[in-house]
Amino acid sequence: IAGCPEMTMEQYIAEYTSQILENDYYGVVNWANWKGIQVPEELAWII
C-alpha cells in the first residue's frame, strides 16, 4: 500500500490471504522476499 495505494490495506490483506490459501503465492512471496520482508518457514521453499 505504501508503494501502490490503489487498493486499501484490507483489500491487499484479502488478496494475499486468498493467494496463499489457493496455493498461488509464488509472486507475492518472491516480491516480499525481494523487498526484505521475512518469509515464514512454511513458504520459504518458494523463494
All heavy atoms as atom14 arrays in JSON, in Angstrom:
{
  "sequence": "IAGCPEMTMEQYIAEYTSQILENDYYGVVNWANWKGIQVPEELAWII",
  "atom14_mask": [
    [1, 1, 1, 1, 1, 1, 1, 1, 0, 0, 0, 0, 0, 0],
    [1, 1, 1, 1, 1, 0, 0, 0, 0, 0, 0, 0, 0, 0],
    [1, 1, 1, 1, 0, 0, 0, 0, 0, 0, 0, 0, 0, 0],
    [1, 1, 1, 1, 1, 1, 0, 0, 0, 0, 0, 0, 0, 0],
    [1, 1, 1, 1, 1, 1, 1, 0, 0, 0, 0, 0, 0, 0],
    [1, 1, 1, 1, 1, 1, 1, 1, 1, 0, 0, 0, 0, 0],
    [1, 1, 1, 1, 1, 1, 1, 1, 0, 0, 0, 0, 0, 0],
    [1, 1, 1, 1, 1, 1, 1, 0, 0, 0, 0, 0, 0, 0],
    [1, 1, 1, 1, 1, 1, 1, 1, 0, 0, 0, 0, 0, 0],
    [1, 1, 1, 1, 1, 1, 1, 1, 1, 0, 0, 0, 0, 0],
    [1, 1, 1, 1, 1, 1, 1, 1, 1, 0, 0, 0, 0, 0],
    [1, 1, 1, 1, 1, 1, 1, 1, 1, 1, 1, 1, 0, 0],
    [1, 1, 1, 1, 1, 1, 1, 1, 0, 0, 0, 0, 0, 0],
    [1, 1, 1, 1, 1, 0, 0, 0, 0, 0, 0, 0, 0, 0],
    [1, 1, 1, 1, 1, 1, 1, 1, 1, 0, 0, 0, 0, 0],
    [1, 1, 1, 1, 1, 1, 1, 1, 1, 1, 1, 1, 0, 0],
    [1, 1, 1, 1, 1, 1, 1, 0, 0, 0, 0, 0, 0, 0],
    [1, 1, 1, 1, 1, 1, 0, 0, 0, 0, 0, 0, 0, 0],
    [1, 1, 1, 1, 1, 1, 1, 1, 1, 0, 0, 0, 0, 0],
    [1, 1, 1, 1, 1, 1, 1, 1, 0, 0, 0, 0, 0, 0],
    [1, 1, 1, 1, 1, 1, 1, 1, 0, 0, 0, 0, 0, 0],
    [1, 1, 1, 1, 1, 1, 1, 1, 1, 0, 0, 0, 0, 0],
    [1, 1, 1, 1, 1, 1, 1, 1, 0, 0, 0, 0, 0, 0],
    [1, 1, 1, 1, 1, 1, 1, 1, 0, 0, 0, 0, 0, 0],
    [1, 1, 1, 1, 1, 1, 1, 1, 1, 1, 1, 1, 0, 0],
    [1, 1, 1, 1, 1, 1, 1, 1, 1, 1, 1, 1, 0, 0],
    [1, 1, 1, 1, 0, 0, 0, 0, 0, 0, 0, 0, 0, 0],
    [1, 1, 1, 1, 1, 1, 1, 0, 0, 0, 0, 0, 0, 0],
    [1, 1, 1, 1, 1, 1, 1, 0, 0, 0, 0, 0, 0, 0],
    [1, 1, 1, 1, 1, 1, 1, 1, 0, 0, 0, 0, 0, 0],
    [1, 1, 1, 1, 1, 1, 1, 1, 1, 1, 1, 1, 1, 1],
    [1, 1, 1, 1, 1, 0, 0, 0, 0, 0, 0, 0, 0, 0],
    [1, 1, 1, 1, 1, 1, 1, 1, 0, 0, 0, 0, 0, 0],
    [1, 1, 1, 1, 1, 1, 1, 1, 1, 1, 1, 1, 1, 1],
    [1, 1, 1, 1, 1, 1, 1, 1, 1, 0, 0, 0, 0, 0],
    [1, 1, 1, 1, 0, 0, 0, 0, 0, 0, 0, 0, 0, 0],
    [1, 1, 1, 1, 1, 1, 1, 1, 0, 0, 0, 0, 0, 0],
    [1, 1, 1, 1, 1, 1, 1, 1, 1, 0, 0, 0, 0, 0],
    [1, 1, 1, 1, 1, 1, 1, 0, 0, 0, 0, 0, 0, 0],
    [1, 1, 1, 1, 1, 1, 1, 0, 0, 0, 0, 0, 0, 0],
    [1, 1, 1, 1, 1, 1, 1, 1, 1, 0, 0, 0, 0, 0],
    [1, 1, 1, 1, 1, 1, 1, 1, 1, 0, 0, 0, 0, 0],
    [1, 1, 1, 1, 1, 1, 1, 1, 0, 0, 0, 0, 0, 0],
    [1, 1, 1, 1, 1, 0, 0, 0, 0, 0, 0, 0, 0, 0],
    [1, 1, 1, 1, 1, 1, 1, 1, 1, 1, 1, 1, 1, 1],
    [1, 1, 1, 1, 1, 1, 1, 1, 0, 0, 0, 0, 0, 0],
    [1, 1, 1, 1, 1, 1, 1, 1, 0, 0, 0, 0, 0, 0]
  ],
  "atom14_positions": [
    [[0.83, -1.21, 0.0], [0.0, 0.0, 0.0], [0.86, 1.26, 0.0], [0.5, 2.28, -0.59], [-1.02, 0.01, 1.16], [-2.13, 1.01, 0.85], [-0.36, 0.32, 2.48], [-3.36, 0.86, 1.71], [0.0, 0.0, 0.0], [0.0, 0.0, 0.0], [0.0, 0.0, 0.0], [0.0, 0.0, 0.0], [0.0, 0.0, 0.0], [0.0, 0.0, 0.0]],
    [[2.04, 1.19, 0.61], [2.94, 2.34, 0.61], [3.44, 2.64, -0.81], [3.61, 3.8, -1.19], [4.13, 2.08, 1.53], [0.0, 0.0, 0.0], [0.0, 0.0, 0.0], [0.0, 0.0, 0.0], [0.0, 0.0, 0.0], [0.0, 0.0, 0.0], [0.0, 0.0, 0.0], [0.0, 0.0, 0.0], [0.0, 0.0, 0.0], [0.0, 0.0, 0.0]],
    [[3.63, 1.6, -1.59], [4.13, 1.78, -2.96], [3.05, 1.92, -4.01], [3.29, 2.45, -5.09], [0.0, 0.0, 0.0], [0.0, 0.0, 0.0], [0.0, 0.0, 0.0], [0.0, 0.0, 0.0], [0.0, 0.0, 0.0], [0.0, 0.0, 0.0], [0.0, 0.0, 0.0], [0.0, 0.0, 0.0], [0.0, 0.0, 0.0], [0.0, 0.0, 0.0]],
    [[1.87, 1.45, -3.69], [0.79, 1.46, -4.69], [-0.55, 1.57, -3.95], [-1.21, 0.56, -3.7], [0.86, 0.18, -5.53], [-0.33, 0.14, -6.87], [0.0, 0.0, 0.0], [0.0, 0.0, 0.0], [0.0, 0.0, 0.0], [0.0, 0.0, 0.0], [0.0, 0.0, 0.0], [0.0, 0.0, 0.0], [0.0, 0.0, 0.0], [0.0, 0.0, 0.0]],
    [[-0.98, 2.78, -3.62], [-2.19, 2.96, -2.81], [-3.5, 2.8, -3.6], [-4.53, 3.32, -3.18], [-2.03, 4.39, -2.28], [-1.2, 5.08, -3.29], [-0.28, 4.03, -3.86], [0.0, 0.0, 0.0], [0.0, 0.0, 0.0], [0.0, 0.0, 0.0], [0.0, 0.0, 0.0], [0.0, 0.0, 0.0], [0.0, 0.0, 0.0], [0.0, 0.0, 0.0]],
    [[-3.48, 2.06, -4.7], [-4.7, 1.86, -5.49], [-5.71, 0.98, -4.76], [-6.9, 1.02, -5.07], [-4.34, 1.24, -6.84], [-3.5, 2.15, -7.71], [-2.98, 1.44, -8.96], [-3.27, 0.26, -9.16], [-2.28, 2.1, -9.72], [0.0, 0.0, 0.0], [0.0, 0.0, 0.0], [0.0, 0.0, 0.0], [0.0, 0.0, 0.0], [0.0, 0.0, 0.0]],
    [[-5.23, 0.15, -3.84], [-6.12, -0.7, -3.05], [-5.97, -0.33, -1.58], [-4.96, 0.25, -1.18], [-5.77, -2.19, -3.26], [-6.06, -2.68, -4.65], [-5.78, -4.45, -5.04], [-5.15, -5.24, -3.65], [0.0, 0.0, 0.0], [0.0, 0.0, 0.0], [0.0, 0.0, 0.0], [0.0, 0.0, 0.0], [0.0, 0.0, 0.0], [0.0, 0.0, 0.0]],
    [[-6.96, -0.69, -0.79], [-6.88, -0.43, 0.65], [-6.06, -1.53, 1.31], [-5.8, -2.59, 0.72], [-8.29, -0.43, 1.28], [-8.83, -1.75, 1.2], [-9.2, 0.58, 0.61], [0.0, 0.0, 0.0], [0.0, 0.0, 0.0], [0.0, 0.0, 0.0], [0.0, 0.0, 0.0], [0.0, 0.0, 0.0], [0.0, 0.0, 0.0], [0.0, 0.0, 0.0]],
    [[-5.67, -1.29, 2.55], [-4.94, -2.29, 3.32], [-5.76, -3.58, 3.41], [-5.23, -4.67, 3.23], [-4.66, -1.73, 4.73], [-3.96, -2.68, 5.64], [-2.25, -2.85, 5.17], [-1.63, -3.62, 6.63], [0.0, 0.0, 0.0], [0.0, 0.0, 0.0], [0.0, 0.0, 0.0], [0.0, 0.0, 0.0], [0.0, 0.0, 0.0], [0.0, 0.0, 0.0]],
    [[-7.06, -3.46, 3.65], [-7.93, -4.63, 3.76], [-7.99, -5.41, 2.45], [-8.03, -6.63, 2.45], [-9.34, -4.21, 4.2], [-9.44, -3.69, 5.62], [-8.91, -2.26, 5.78], [-8.83, -1.5, 4.78], [-8.55, -1.91, 6.92], [0.0, 0.0, 0.0], [0.0, 0.0, 0.0], [0.0, 0.0, 0.0], [0.0, 0.0, 0.0], [0.0, 0.0, 0.0]],
    [[-7.99, -4.69, 1.34], [-8.02, -5.36, 0.03], [-6.72, -6.12, -0.23], [-6.75, -7.24, -0.72], [-8.27, -4.34, -1.09], [-9.68, -3.82, -1.12], [-9.85, -2.67, -2.1], [-8.99, -1.79, -2.22], [-10.97, -2.68, -2.82], [0.0, 0.0, 0.0], [0.0, 0.0, 0.0], [0.0, 0.0, 0.0], [0.0, 0.0, 0.0], [0.0, 0.0, 0.0]],
    [[-5.58, -5.51, 0.12], [-4.31, -6.21, -0.03], [-4.27, -7.46, 0.85], [-3.86, -8.53, 0.42], [-3.12, -5.3, 0.3], [-2.66, -4.44, -0.85], [-2.79, -3.05, -0.8], [-2.08, -5.0, -1.99], [-2.36, -2.25, -1.84], [-1.66, -4.2, -3.04], [-1.8, -2.84, -2.96], [-1.37, -2.05, -4.01], [0.0, 0.0, 0.0], [0.0, 0.0, 0.0]],
    [[-4.7, -7.31, 2.09], [-4.7, -8.46, 3.01], [-5.6, -9.57, 2.46], [-5.22, -10.75, 2.45], [-5.12, -8.04, 4.44], [-4.0, -7.21, 5.08], [-5.47, -9.25, 5.29], [-4.35, -6.6, 6.42], [0.0, 0.0, 0.0], [0.0, 0.0, 0.0], [0.0, 0.0, 0.0], [0.0, 0.0, 0.0], [0.0, 0.0, 0.0], [0.0, 0.0, 0.0]],
    [[-6.78, -9.2, 1.99], [-7.7, -10.21, 1.43], [-7.09, -10.88, 0.21], [-7.18, -12.1, 0.07], [-9.03, -9.55, 1.07], [0.0, 0.0, 0.0], [0.0, 0.0, 0.0], [0.0, 0.0, 0.0], [0.0, 0.0, 0.0], [0.0, 0.0, 0.0], [0.0, 0.0, 0.0], [0.0, 0.0, 0.0], [0.0, 0.0, 0.0], [0.0, 0.0, 0.0]],
    [[-6.45, -10.11, -0.66], [-5.85, -10.66, -1.88], [-4.71, -11.61, -1.54], [-4.63, -12.72, -2.06], [-5.33, -9.53, -2.77], [-4.6, -10.0, -4.01], [-5.46, -10.78, -4.99], [-6.69, -10.62, -4.99], [-4.9, -11.57, -5.76], [0.0, 0.0, 0.0], [0.0, 0.0, 0.0], [0.0, 0.0, 0.0], [0.0, 0.0, 0.0], [0.0, 0.0, 0.0]],
    [[-3.8, -11.21, -0.66], [-2.66, -12.06, -0.31], [-3.1, -13.31, 0.45], [-2.57, -14.39, 0.24], [-1.62, -11.27, 0.48], [-0.98, -10.14, -0.29], [-0.44, -9.05, 0.35], [-0.92, -10.17, -1.69], [0.15, -8.01, -0.35], [-0.34, -9.13, -2.39], [0.2, -8.06, -1.73], [0.78, -7.04, -2.43], [0.0, 0.0, 0.0], [0.0, 0.0, 0.0]],
    [[-4.09, -13.15, 1.33], [-4.61, -14.32, 2.05], [-5.22, -15.31, 1.06], [-4.97, -16.51, 1.14], [-5.66, -13.89, 3.09], [-5.05, -12.98, 4.01], [-6.22, -15.09, 3.84], [0.0, 0.0, 0.0], [0.0, 0.0, 0.0], [0.0, 0.0, 0.0], [0.0, 0.0, 0.0], [0.0, 0.0, 0.0], [0.0, 0.0, 0.0], [0.0, 0.0, 0.0]],
    [[-6.0, -14.8, 0.12], [-6.6, -15.65, -0.9], [-5.54, -16.38, -1.71], [-5.65, -17.58, -1.96], [-7.49, -14.81, -1.82], [-7.96, -15.58, -2.89], [0.0, 0.0, 0.0], [0.0, 0.0, 0.0], [0.0, 0.0, 0.0], [0.0, 0.0, 0.0], [0.0, 0.0, 0.0], [0.0, 0.0, 0.0], [0.0, 0.0, 0.0], [0.0, 0.0, 0.0]],
    [[-4.49, -15.67, -2.11], [-3.42, -16.3, -2.89], [-2.77, -17.43, -2.11], [-2.52, -18.51, -2.66], [-2.37, -15.26, -3.29], [-2.83, -14.31, -4.36], [-1.8, -13.25, -4.67], [-0.66, -13.32, -4.23], [-2.21, -12.25, -5.44], [0.0, 0.0, 0.0], [0.0, 0.0, 0.0], [0.0, 0.0, 0.0], [0.0, 0.0, 0.0], [0.0, 0.0, 0.0]],
    [[-2.5, -17.2, -0.85], [-1.85, -18.23, -0.04], [-2.78, -19.42, 0.17], [-2.36, -20.57, 0.04], [-1.33, -17.64, 1.28], [-0.12, -16.76, 0.96], [-0.98, -18.73, 2.29], [0.41, -15.94, 2.09], [0.0, 0.0, 0.0], [0.0, 0.0, 0.0], [0.0, 0.0, 0.0], [0.0, 0.0, 0.0], [0.0, 0.0, 0.0], [0.0, 0.0, 0.0]],
    [[-4.05, -19.17, 0.45], [-4.98, -20.27, 0.64], [-5.21, -21.07, -0.65], [-5.53, -22.25, -0.61], [-6.32, -19.76, 1.19], [-6.27, -19.24, 2.62], [-7.62, -18.63, 3.0], [-5.87, -20.33, 3.59], [0.0, 0.0, 0.0], [0.0, 0.0, 0.0], [0.0, 0.0, 0.0], [0.0, 0.0, 0.0], [0.0, 0.0, 0.0], [0.0, 0.0, 0.0]],
    [[-5.03, -20.43, -1.79], [-5.23, -21.1, -3.08], [-3.92, -21.62, -3.68], [-3.89, -22.03, -4.83], [-5.9, -20.14, -4.07], [-7.3, -19.72, -3.68], [-8.28, -20.89, -3.73], [-8.13, -21.77, -4.58], [-9.19, -20.9, -2.88], [0.0, 0.0, 0.0], [0.0, 0.0, 0.0], [0.0, 0.0, 0.0], [0.0, 0.0, 0.0], [0.0, 0.0, 0.0]],
    [[-2.84, -21.6, -2.9], [-1.52, -22.05, -3.38], [-1.07, -21.28, -4.62], [-0.43, -21.83, -5.51], [-1.52, -23.55, -3.67], [-1.66, -24.38, -2.42], [-1.26, -23.95, -1.35], [-2.22, -25.56, -2.54], [0.0, 0.0, 0.0], [0.0, 0.0, 0.0], [0.0, 0.0, 0.0], [0.0, 0.0, 0.0], [0.0, 0.0, 0.0], [0.0, 0.0, 0.0]],
    [[-1.37, -20.01, -4.67], [-0.99, -19.15, -5.79], [-0.14, -18.01, -5.25], [-0.48, -16.84, -5.36], [-2.25, -18.63, -6.49], [-1.93, -17.76, -7.69], [-0.83, -17.9, -8.26], [-2.78, -16.93, -8.05], [0.0, 0.0, 0.0], [0.0, 0.0, 0.0], [0.0, 0.0, 0.0], [0.0, 0.0, 0.0], [0.0, 0.0, 0.0], [0.0, 0.0, 0.0]],
    [[0.98, -18.38, -4.61], [1.73, -17.4, -3.84], [3.14, -17.15, -4.34], [3.91, -16.45, -3.7], [1.81, -17.83, -2.38], [1.87, -19.32, -2.18], [2.93, -20.07, -2.69], [0.88, -19.99, -1.51], [2.98, -21.44, -2.52], [0.92, -21.36, -1.33], [1.98, -22.08, -1.83], [2.03, -23.43, -1.67], [0.0, 0.0, 0.0], [0.0, 0.0, 0.0]],
    [[3.51, -17.68, -5.46], [4.87, -17.51, -5.98], [5.25, -16.03, -6.08], [6.29, -15.6, -5.58], [5.01, -18.19, -7.35], [6.33, -17.95, -8.02], [7.46, -18.67, -7.65], [6.47, -16.99, -9.02], [8.68, -18.45, -8.26], [7.69, -16.76, -9.63], [8.79, -17.49, -9.24], [10.0, -17.27, -9.84], [0.0, 0.0, 0.0], [0.0, 0.0, 0.0]],
    [[4.4, -15.23, -6.72], [4.71, -13.82, -6.93], [4.8, -13.03, -5.64], [5.76, -12.29, -5.43], [0.0, 0.0, 0.0], [0.0, 0.0, 0.0], [0.0, 0.0, 0.0], [0.0, 0.0, 0.0], [0.0, 0.0, 0.0], [0.0, 0.0, 0.0], [0.0, 0.0, 0.0], [0.0, 0.0, 0.0], [0.0, 0.0, 0.0], [0.0, 0.0, 0.0]],
    [[3.81, -13.18, -4.76], [3.8, -12.38, -3.54], [4.95, -12.78, -2.62], [5.59, -11.91, -2.01], [2.43, -12.45, -2.81], [2.17, -13.82, -2.24], [2.36, -11.39, -1.72], [0.0, 0.0, 0.0], [0.0, 0.0, 0.0], [0.0, 0.0, 0.0], [0.0, 0.0, 0.0], [0.0, 0.0, 0.0], [0.0, 0.0, 0.0], [0.0, 0.0, 0.0]],
    [[5.26, -14.05, -2.51], [6.37, -14.48, -1.65], [7.69, -13.95, -2.17], [8.51, -13.41, -1.42], [6.4, -16.02, -1.51], [7.69, -16.49, -0.86], [5.19, -16.5, -0.7], [0.0, 0.0, 0.0], [0.0, 0.0, 0.0], [0.0, 0.0, 0.0], [0.0, 0.0, 0.0], [0.0, 0.0, 0.0], [0.0, 0.0, 0.0], [0.0, 0.0, 0.0]],
    [[7.92, -14.09, -3.46], [9.19, -13.62, -4.02], [9.3, -12.1, -4.01], [10.38, -11.55, -3.75], [9.4, -14.19, -5.42], [9.86, -15.63, -5.34], [10.96, -15.91, -4.9], [8.99, -16.55, -5.75], [0.0, 0.0, 0.0], [0.0, 0.0, 0.0], [0.0, 0.0, 0.0], [0.0, 0.0, 0.0], [0.0, 0.0, 0.0], [0.0, 0.0, 0.0]],
    [[8.2, -11.4, -4.25], [8.23, -9.94, -4.17], [8.55, -9.49, -2.75], [9.38, -8.62, -2.52], [6.9, -9.35, -4.66], [6.87, -7.86, -4.6], [7.4, -7.0, -5.51], [6.28, -7.06, -3.57], [7.18, -5.7, -5.1], [6.49, -5.71, -3.92], [5.6, -7.35, -2.4], [6.05, -4.66, -3.14], [5.15, -6.29, -1.61], [5.37, -4.97, -1.99]],
    [[7.87, -10.1, -1.77], [8.11, -9.74, -0.36], [9.55, -10.04, 0.03], [10.2, -9.21, 0.69], [7.14, -10.51, 0.53], [0.0, 0.0, 0.0], [0.0, 0.0, 0.0], [0.0, 0.0, 0.0], [0.0, 0.0, 0.0], [0.0, 0.0, 0.0], [0.0, 0.0, 0.0], [0.0, 0.0, 0.0], [0.0, 0.0, 0.0], [0.0, 0.0, 0.0]],
    [[10.07, -11.18, -0.38], [11.45, -11.52, -0.06], [12.41, -10.51, -0.69], [13.36, -10.05, -0.06], [11.76, -12.94, -0.56], [13.17, -13.36, -0.22], [13.53, -13.47, 0.96], [13.97, -13.6, -1.23], [0.0, 0.0, 0.0], [0.0, 0.0, 0.0], [0.0, 0.0, 0.0], [0.0, 0.0, 0.0], [0.0, 0.0, 0.0], [0.0, 0.0, 0.0]],
    [[12.14, -10.14, -1.93], [12.96, -9.16, -2.64], [12.95, -7.81, -1.92], [13.95, -7.1, -1.87], [12.45, -9.04, -4.08], [13.16, -8.06, -4.94], [14.48, -8.06, -5.28], [12.57, -6.94, -5.61], [14.76, -7.01, -6.12], [13.61, -6.3, -6.34], [11.29, -6.42, -5.67], [13.38, -5.16, -7.1], [11.07, -5.29, -6.43], [12.12, -4.68, -7.14]],
    [[11.8, -7.49, -1.33], [11.66, -6.22, -0.6], [12.18, -6.31, 0.84], [12.1, -5.34, 1.59], [10.19, -5.77, -0.58], [9.66, -5.37, -1.94], [10.31, -4.08, -2.38], [9.63, -3.52, -3.6], [10.17, -2.22, -3.99], [0.0, 0.0, 0.0], [0.0, 0.0, 0.0], [0.0, 0.0, 0.0], [0.0, 0.0, 0.0], [0.0, 0.0, 0.0]],
    [[12.67, -7.48, 1.24], [13.27, -7.63, 2.56], [12.33, -8.04, 3.67], [12.69, -7.97, 4.85], [0.0, 0.0, 0.0], [0.0, 0.0, 0.0], [0.0, 0.0, 0.0], [0.0, 0.0, 0.0], [0.0, 0.0, 0.0], [0.0, 0.0, 0.0], [0.0, 0.0, 0.0], [0.0, 0.0, 0.0], [0.0, 0.0, 0.0], [0.0, 0.0, 0.0]],
    [[11.15, -8.5, 3.33], [10.2, -8.97, 4.35], [10.53, -10.42, 4.7], [10.76, -11.24, 3.81], [8.74, -8.85, 3.84], [8.41, -7.36, 3.62], [7.77, -9.49, 4.81], [7.06, -7.12, 2.99], [0.0, 0.0, 0.0], [0.0, 0.0, 0.0], [0.0, 0.0, 0.0], [0.0, 0.0, 0.0], [0.0, 0.0, 0.0], [0.0, 0.0, 0.0]],
    [[10.55, -10.73, 5.98], [10.84, -12.09, 6.44], [9.71, -13.02, 5.99], [8.55, -12.82, 6.33], [10.96, -12.12, 7.97], [11.23, -13.48, 8.55], [12.6, -14.01, 8.18], [13.57, -13.28, 8.14], [12.68, -15.29, 7.89], [0.0, 0.0, 0.0], [0.0, 0.0, 0.0], [0.0, 0.0, 0.0], [0.0, 0.0, 0.0], [0.0, 0.0, 0.0]],
    [[10.07, -14.05, 5.22], [9.1, -15.02, 4.72], [8.99, -16.16, 5.73], [10.02, -16.69, 6.17], [9.53, -15.57, 3.33], [8.59, -16.65, 2.85], [9.62, -14.43, 2.32], [0.0, 0.0, 0.0], [0.0, 0.0, 0.0], [0.0, 0.0, 0.0], [0.0, 0.0, 0.0], [0.0, 0.0, 0.0], [0.0, 0.0, 0.0], [0.0, 0.0, 0.0]],
    [[7.78, -16.56, 6.13], [7.65, -17.65, 7.1], [8.22, -18.95, 6.53], [8.21, -19.17, 5.33], [6.14, -17.77, 7.33], [5.48, -16.92, 6.33], [6.49, -16.03, 5.71], [0.0, 0.0, 0.0], [0.0, 0.0, 0.0], [0.0, 0.0, 0.0], [0.0, 0.0, 0.0], [0.0, 0.0, 0.0], [0.0, 0.0, 0.0], [0.0, 0.0, 0.0]],
    [[8.72, -19.77, 7.43], [9.38, -21.02, 7.03], [8.49, -21.88, 6.14], [8.97, -22.51, 5.2], [9.78, -21.8, 8.29], [10.64, -23.0, 8.0], [11.13, -23.67, 9.26], [11.59, -22.95, 10.17], [11.05, -24.9, 9.33], [0.0, 0.0, 0.0], [0.0, 0.0, 0.0], [0.0, 0.0, 0.0], [0.0, 0.0, 0.0], [0.0, 0.0, 0.0]],
    [[7.19, -21.91, 6.4], [6.29, -22.75, 5.62], [6.19, -22.31, 4.16], [5.76, -23.07, 3.3], [4.91, -22.81, 6.25], [4.18, -21.47, 6.23], [2.9, -21.48, 7.03], [2.98, -21.27, 8.25], [1.84, -21.7, 6.44], [0.0, 0.0, 0.0], [0.0, 0.0, 0.0], [0.0, 0.0, 0.0], [0.0, 0.0, 0.0], [0.0, 0.0, 0.0]],
    [[6.58, -21.07, 3.86], [6.55, -20.56, 2.49], [7.95, -20.32, 1.92], [8.08, -20.01, 0.74], [5.74, -19.25, 2.42], [4.29, -19.32, 2.85], [3.68, -17.93, 2.86], [3.5, -20.24, 1.95], [0.0, 0.0, 0.0], [0.0, 0.0, 0.0], [0.0, 0.0, 0.0], [0.0, 0.0, 0.0], [0.0, 0.0, 0.0], [0.0, 0.0, 0.0]],
    [[8.98, -20.46, 2.73], [10.34, -20.11, 2.32], [10.85, -20.96, 1.16], [11.68, -20.5, 0.38], [11.29, -20.2, 3.51], [0.0, 0.0, 0.0], [0.0, 0.0, 0.0], [0.0, 0.0, 0.0], [0.0, 0.0, 0.0], [0.0, 0.0, 0.0], [0.0, 0.0, 0.0], [0.0, 0.0, 0.0], [0.0, 0.0, 0.0], [0.0, 0.0, 0.0]],
    [[10.36, -22.18, 1.01], [10.83, -23.05, -0.08], [10.49, -22.47, -1.44], [11.09, -22.82, -2.45], [10.24, -24.45, 0.06], [8.75, -24.49, -0.09], [7.81, -24.34, 0.87], [8.04, -24.68, -1.32], [6.56, -24.42, 0.33], [6.67, -24.64, -1.01], [8.43, -24.89, -2.63], [5.7, -24.78, -1.98], [7.44, -25.04, -3.6], [6.09, -24.98, -3.26]],
    [[9.54, -21.54, -1.49], [9.09, -20.95, -2.76], [10.08, -19.91, -3.27], [10.1, -19.61, -4.46], [7.69, -20.31, -2.56], [6.68, -21.35, -2.13], [7.23, -19.59, -3.8], [5.46, -20.78, -1.48], [0.0, 0.0, 0.0], [0.0, 0.0, 0.0], [0.0, 0.0, 0.0], [0.0, 0.0, 0.0], [0.0, 0.0, 0.0], [0.0, 0.0, 0.0]],
    [[10.91, -19.39, -2.4], [11.8, -18.29, -2.76], [12.69, -18.68, -3.93], [13.38, -19.69, -3.91], [12.63, -17.82, -1.56], [11.73, -17.26, -0.47], [13.7, -16.81, -1.98], [12.43, -16.95, 0.83], [0.0, 0.0, 0.0], [0.0, 0.0, 0.0], [0.0, 0.0, 0.0], [0.0, 0.0, 0.0], [0.0, 0.0, 0.0], [0.0, 0.0, 0.0]]
  ]
}
